[in-house]
């Protein structure tokens, strides 16, 4: 009877050891999975940051190109329109505005435009809200039709 009891006790001890080993291995696997998931998330965040940086650079480059084109178009207007009279004054005003806008786009870039818009909204909050409401209304009307 003692041997059967000893054997039962041995089986119980082995079962406890096996369960403990399985639990330890499960913890190790879970830890490894969590580490790998964290590494993958970190890599994905890095890639997203790199993508955003490249996209921002491309947007800035595109704005510089638009600004350069505007300045070039202003020169074309000045060369091909009269210097005097009503048309001369109007063409000079248009060319000046295009040149000024082109220089602004070249110098400021996307981040400069964003900070200028933010400053404008801070200085004029009520008109900004009214403008946003009006644009929202127009967008809603155009998408509903």
C-alpha atoms as a PDB file:
ATOM      1  CA  UNK A   1       0.000   0.000   0.000  1.00  0.00           C
ATOM      2  CA  UNK A   2       2.867   2.302   0.777  1.00  0.00           C
ATOM      3  CA  UNK A   3       4.315   1.745  -2.699  1.00  0.00           C
ATOM      4  CA  UNK A   4       1.031   2.638  -4.376  1.00  0.00           C
ATOM      5  CA  UNK A   5       0.836   5.753  -2.224  1.00  0.00           C
ATOM      6  CA  UNK A   6       4.439   6.605  -3.099  1.00  0.00           C
ATOM      7  CA  UNK A   7       3.732   6.034  -6.781  1.00  0.00           C
ATOM      8  CA  UNK A   8       0.653   8.251  -6.613  1.00  0.00           C
ATOM      9  CA  UNK A   9       2.687  10.904  -4.835  1.00  0.00           C
ATOM     10  CA  UNK A  10       5.428  10.612  -7.484  1.00  0.00           C
ATOM     11  CA  UNK A  11       2.868  10.962 -10.261  1.00  0.00           C
ATOM     12  CA  UNK A  12       1.408  14.026  -8.504  1.00  0.00           C
ATOM     13  CA  UNK A  13       4.885  15.545  -8.115  1.00  0.00           C
ATOM     14  CA  UNK A  14       5.716  14.870 -11.759  1.00  0.00           C
ATOM     15  CA  UNK A  15       2.383  16.385 -12.820  1.00  0.00           C
ATOM     16  CA  UNK A  16       3.098  19.495 -10.729  1.00  0.00           C
ATOM     17  CA  UNK A  17       6.614  19.754 -12.206  1.00  0.00           C
ATOM     18  CA  UNK A  18       5.280  19.315 -15.723  1.00  0.00           C
ATOM     19  CA  UNK A  19       2.556  21.910 -15.145  1.00  0.00           C
ATOM     20  CA  UNK A  20       5.134  24.283 -13.700  1.00  0.00           C
ATOM     21  CA  UNK A  21       7.438  23.723 -16.694  1.00  0.00           C
ATOM     22  CA  UNK A  22       4.555  24.276 -19.119  1.00  0.00           C
ATOM     23  CA  UNK A  23       3.595  27.470 -17.299  1.00  0.00           C
ATOM     24  CA  UNK A  24       7.201  28.708 -17.396  1.00  0.00           C
ATOM     25  CA  UNK A  25       7.468  27.943 -21.092  1.00  0.00           C
ATOM     26  CA  UNK A  26       4.142  29.684 -21.754  1.00  0.00           C
ATOM     27  CA  UNK A  27       5.419  32.757 -19.900  1.00  0.00           C
ATOM     28  CA  UNK A  28       8.628  32.687 -21.942  1.00  0.00           C
ATOM     29  CA  UNK A  29       6.706  32.373 -25.202  1.00  0.00           C
ATOM     30  CA  UNK A  30       4.337  35.158 -24.191  1.00  0.00           C
ATOM     31  CA  UNK A  31       7.282  37.347 -23.240  1.00  0.00           C
ATOM     32  CA  UNK A  32       8.996  36.649 -26.573  1.00  0.00           C
ATOM     33  CA  UNK A  33       5.803  37.404 -28.475  1.00  0.00           C
ATOM     34  CA  UNK A  34       5.363  40.652 -26.558  1.00  0.00           C
ATOM     35  CA  UNK A  35       8.978  41.628 -27.239  1.00  0.00           C
ATOM     36  CA  UNK A  36       8.629  40.874 -30.930  1.00  0.00           C
ATOM     37  CA  UNK A  37       5.344  42.768 -31.117  1.00  0.00           C
ATOM     38  CA  UNK A  38       6.995  45.737 -29.428  1.00  0.00           C
ATOM     39  CA  UNK A  39       9.906  45.577 -31.862  1.00  0.00           C
ATOM     40  CA  UNK A  40       7.524  45.389 -34.808  1.00  0.00           C
ATOM     41  CA  UNK A  41       5.505  48.336 -33.494  1.00  0.00           C
ATOM     42  CA  UNK A  42       8.692  50.339 -33.008  1.00  0.00           C
ATOM     43  CA  UNK A  43       9.843  49.522 -36.546  1.00  0.00           C
ATOM     44  CA  UNK A  44       6.426  50.445 -37.931  1.00  0.00           C
ATOM     45  CA  UNK A  45       6.519  53.755 -36.073  1.00  0.00           C
ATOM     46  CA  UNK A  46      10.002  54.441 -37.434  1.00  0.00           C
ATOM     47  CA  UNK A  47       8.854  53.653 -40.969  1.00  0.00           C
ATOM     48  CA  UNK A  48       5.804  55.896 -40.559  1.00  0.00           C
ATOM     49  CA  UNK A  49       8.032  58.690 -39.294  1.00  0.00           C
ATOM     50  CA  UNK A  50      10.386  58.246 -42.247  1.00  0.00           C
ATOM     51  CA  UNK A  51       7.437  58.234 -44.642  1.00  0.00           C
ATOM     52  CA  UNK A  52       6.025  61.410 -43.095  1.00  0.00           C
ATOM     53  CA  UNK A  53       9.435  63.077 -43.319  1.00  0.00           C
ATOM     54  CA  UNK A  54       9.829  62.133 -46.989  1.00  0.00           C
ATOM     55  CA  UNK A  55       6.264  63.217 -47.755  1.00  0.00           C
ATOM     56  CA  UNK A  56       6.894  66.550 -46.026  1.00  0.00           C
ATOM     57  CA  UNK A  57      10.079  67.080 -48.013  1.00  0.00           C
ATOM     58  CA  UNK A  58       8.261  66.270 -51.251  1.00  0.00           C
ATOM     59  CA  UNK A  59       5.442  68.668 -50.346  1.00  0.00           C
ATOM     60  CA  UNK A  60       7.964  71.415 -49.562  1.00  0.00           C
ATOM     61  CA  UNK A  61       9.732  70.735 -52.852  1.00  0.00           C
ATOM     62  CA  UNK A  62       6.402  70.881 -54.705  1.00  0.00           C
ATOM     63  CA  UNK A  63       5.580  74.214 -53.043  1.00  0.00           C
ATOM     64  CA  UNK A  64       8.988  75.569 -54.033  1.00  0.00           C
ATOM     65  CA  UNK A  65       8.303  74.484 -57.618  1.00  0.00           C
ATOM     66  CA  UNK A  66       4.895  76.159 -57.586  1.00  0.00           C
ATOM     67  CA  UNK A  67       6.449  79.317 -56.152  1.00  0.00           C
ATOM     68  CA  UNK A  68       9.161  79.314 -58.805  1.00  0.00           C
ATOM     69  CA  UNK A  69       6.517  78.814 -61.498  1.00  0.00           C
ATOM     70  CA  UNK A  70       4.480  81.704 -60.150  1.00  0.00           C
ATOM     71  CA  UNK A  71       7.512  83.987 -60.226  1.00  0.00           C
ATOM     72  CA  UNK A  72       8.323  82.859 -63.745  1.00  0.00           C
ATOM     73  CA  UNK A  73       4.742  83.497 -64.856  1.00  0.00           C
ATOM     74  CA  UNK A  74       4.922  86.996 -63.312  1.00  0.00           C
ATOM     75  CA  UNK A  75       7.983  87.685 -65.476  1.00  0.00           C
ATOM     76  CA  UNK A  76       6.145  86.409 -68.541  1.00  0.00           C
ATOM     77  CA  UNK A  77       3.204  88.708 -67.792  1.00  0.00           C
ATOM     78  CA  UNK A  78       5.543  91.693 -67.433  1.00  0.00           C
ATOM     79  CA  UNK A  79       7.275  90.890 -70.730  1.00  0.00           C
ATOM     80  CA  UNK A  80       4.114  90.356 -72.767  1.00  0.00           C
ATOM     81  CA  UNK A  81       1.787  93.098 -71.538  1.00  0.00           C
ATOM     82  CA  UNK A  82       1.839  96.862 -72.052  1.00  0.00           C
ATOM     83  CA  UNK A  83       3.781  98.992 -69.591  1.00  0.00           C
ATOM     84  CA  UNK A  84       1.366 101.919 -69.565  1.00  0.00           C
ATOM     85  CA  UNK A  85      -2.309 102.534 -69.381  1.00  0.00           C
ATOM     86  CA  UNK A  86      -5.057 100.622 -67.637  1.00  0.00           C
ATOM     87  CA  UNK A  87      -3.840  97.235 -68.881  1.00  0.00           C
ATOM     88  CA  UNK A  88      -0.283  98.061 -67.908  1.00  0.00           C
ATOM     89  CA  UNK A  89      -1.311  98.891 -64.327  1.00  0.00           C
ATOM     90  CA  UNK A  90      -3.507  95.823 -64.035  1.00  0.00           C
ATOM     91  CA  UNK A  91      -0.857  93.509 -65.461  1.00  0.00           C
ATOM     92  CA  UNK A  92       1.777  94.978 -63.124  1.00  0.00           C
ATOM     93  CA  UNK A  93      -0.536  94.395 -60.139  1.00  0.00           C
ATOM     94  CA  UNK A  94      -1.173  90.801 -61.177  1.00  0.00           C
ATOM     95  CA  UNK A  95       2.527  90.177 -61.839  1.00  0.00           C
ATOM     96  CA  UNK A  96       3.475  91.723 -58.488  1.00  0.00           C
ATOM     97  CA  UNK A  97       0.951  89.567 -56.639  1.00  0.00           C
ATOM     98  CA  UNK A  98       2.138  86.417 -58.411  1.00  0.00           C
ATOM     99  CA  UNK A  99       5.773  87.230 -57.699  1.00  0.00           C
ATOM    100  CA  UNK A 100       5.057  87.976 -54.042  1.00  0.00           C
ATOM    101  CA  UNK A 101       3.034  84.768 -53.647  1.00  0.00           C
ATOM    102  CA  UNK A 102       5.721  82.732 -55.386  1.00  0.00           C
ATOM    103  CA  UNK A 103       8.430  84.138 -53.138  1.00  0.00           C
ATOM    104  CA  UNK A 104       6.268  83.377 -50.081  1.00  0.00           C
ATOM    105  CA  UNK A 105       5.802  79.748 -51.142  1.00  0.00           C
ATOM    106  CA  UNK A 106       9.508  79.319 -51.864  1.00  0.00           C
ATOM    107  CA  UNK A 107      10.642  80.818 -48.568  1.00  0.00           C
ATOM    108  CA  UNK A 108       8.029  79.576 -46.100  1.00  0.00           C
ATOM    109  CA  UNK A 109       7.321  76.039 -47.212  1.00  0.00           C
ATOM    110  CA  UNK A 110       4.595  73.880 -45.744  1.00  0.00           C
ATOM    111  CA  UNK A 111       5.532  74.334 -42.078  1.00  0.00           C
ATOM    112  CA  UNK A 112       5.725  78.119 -42.470  1.00  0.00           C
ATOM    113  CA  UNK A 113       2.305  78.225 -44.093  1.00  0.00           C
ATOM    114  CA  UNK A 114       0.888  76.081 -41.271  1.00  0.00           C
ATOM    115  CA  UNK A 115       2.300  78.371 -38.579  1.00  0.00           C
ATOM    116  CA  UNK A 116       1.050  81.466 -40.434  1.00  0.00           C
ATOM    117  CA  UNK A 117      -2.465  79.997 -40.680  1.00  0.00           C
ATOM    118  CA  UNK A 118      -2.347  79.082 -36.978  1.00  0.00           C
ATOM    119  CA  UNK A 119      -1.316  82.627 -36.075  1.00  0.00           C
ATOM    120  CA  UNK A 120      -4.057  84.069 -38.280  1.00  0.00           C
ATOM    121  CA  UNK A 121      -6.688  81.894 -36.601  1.00  0.00           C
ATOM    122  CA  UNK A 122      -5.416  82.885 -33.139  1.00  0.00           C
ATOM    123  CA  UNK A 123      -5.618  86.575 -34.045  1.00  0.00           C
ATOM    124  CA  UNK A 124      -9.077  86.249 -35.642  1.00  0.00           C
ATOM    125  CA  UNK A 125     -10.962  83.370 -33.983  1.00  0.00           C
ATOM    126  CA  UNK A 126     -14.534  84.486 -34.748  1.00  0.00           C
ATOM    127  CA  UNK A 127     -14.039  84.954 -38.505  1.00  0.00           C
ATOM    128  CA  UNK A 128     -12.117  81.670 -38.587  1.00  0.00           C
ATOM    129  CA  UNK A 129     -15.017  79.813 -36.956  1.00  0.00           C
ATOM    130  CA  UNK A 130     -17.530  81.473 -39.286  1.00  0.00           C
ATOM    131  CA  UNK A 131     -15.393  80.571 -42.289  1.00  0.00           C
ATOM    132  CA  UNK A 132     -15.110  76.965 -41.090  1.00  0.00           C
ATOM    133  CA  UNK A 133     -18.893  76.771 -40.603  1.00  0.00           C
ATOM    134  CA  UNK A 134     -19.492  78.204 -44.067  1.00  0.00           C
ATOM    135  CA  UNK A 135     -17.054  75.782 -45.684  1.00  0.00           C
ATOM    136  CA  UNK A 136     -18.586  72.894 -43.769  1.00  0.00           C
ATOM    137  CA  UNK A 137     -22.035  73.890 -44.970  1.00  0.00           C
ATOM    138  CA  UNK A 138     -20.877  74.138 -48.595  1.00  0.00           C
ATOM    139  CA  UNK A 139     -19.110  70.782 -48.422  1.00  0.00           C
ATOM    140  CA  UNK A 140     -22.190  69.164 -46.865  1.00  0.00           C
ATOM    141  CA  UNK A 141     -24.413  70.632 -49.581  1.00  0.00           C
ATOM    142  CA  UNK A 142     -22.119  69.499 -52.369  1.00  0.00           C
ATOM    143  CA  UNK A 143     -21.789  65.932 -51.051  1.00  0.00           C
ATOM    144  CA  UNK A 144     -25.509  65.576 -50.368  1.00  0.00           C
ATOM    145  CA  UNK A 145     -26.537  66.397 -53.945  1.00  0.00           C
END
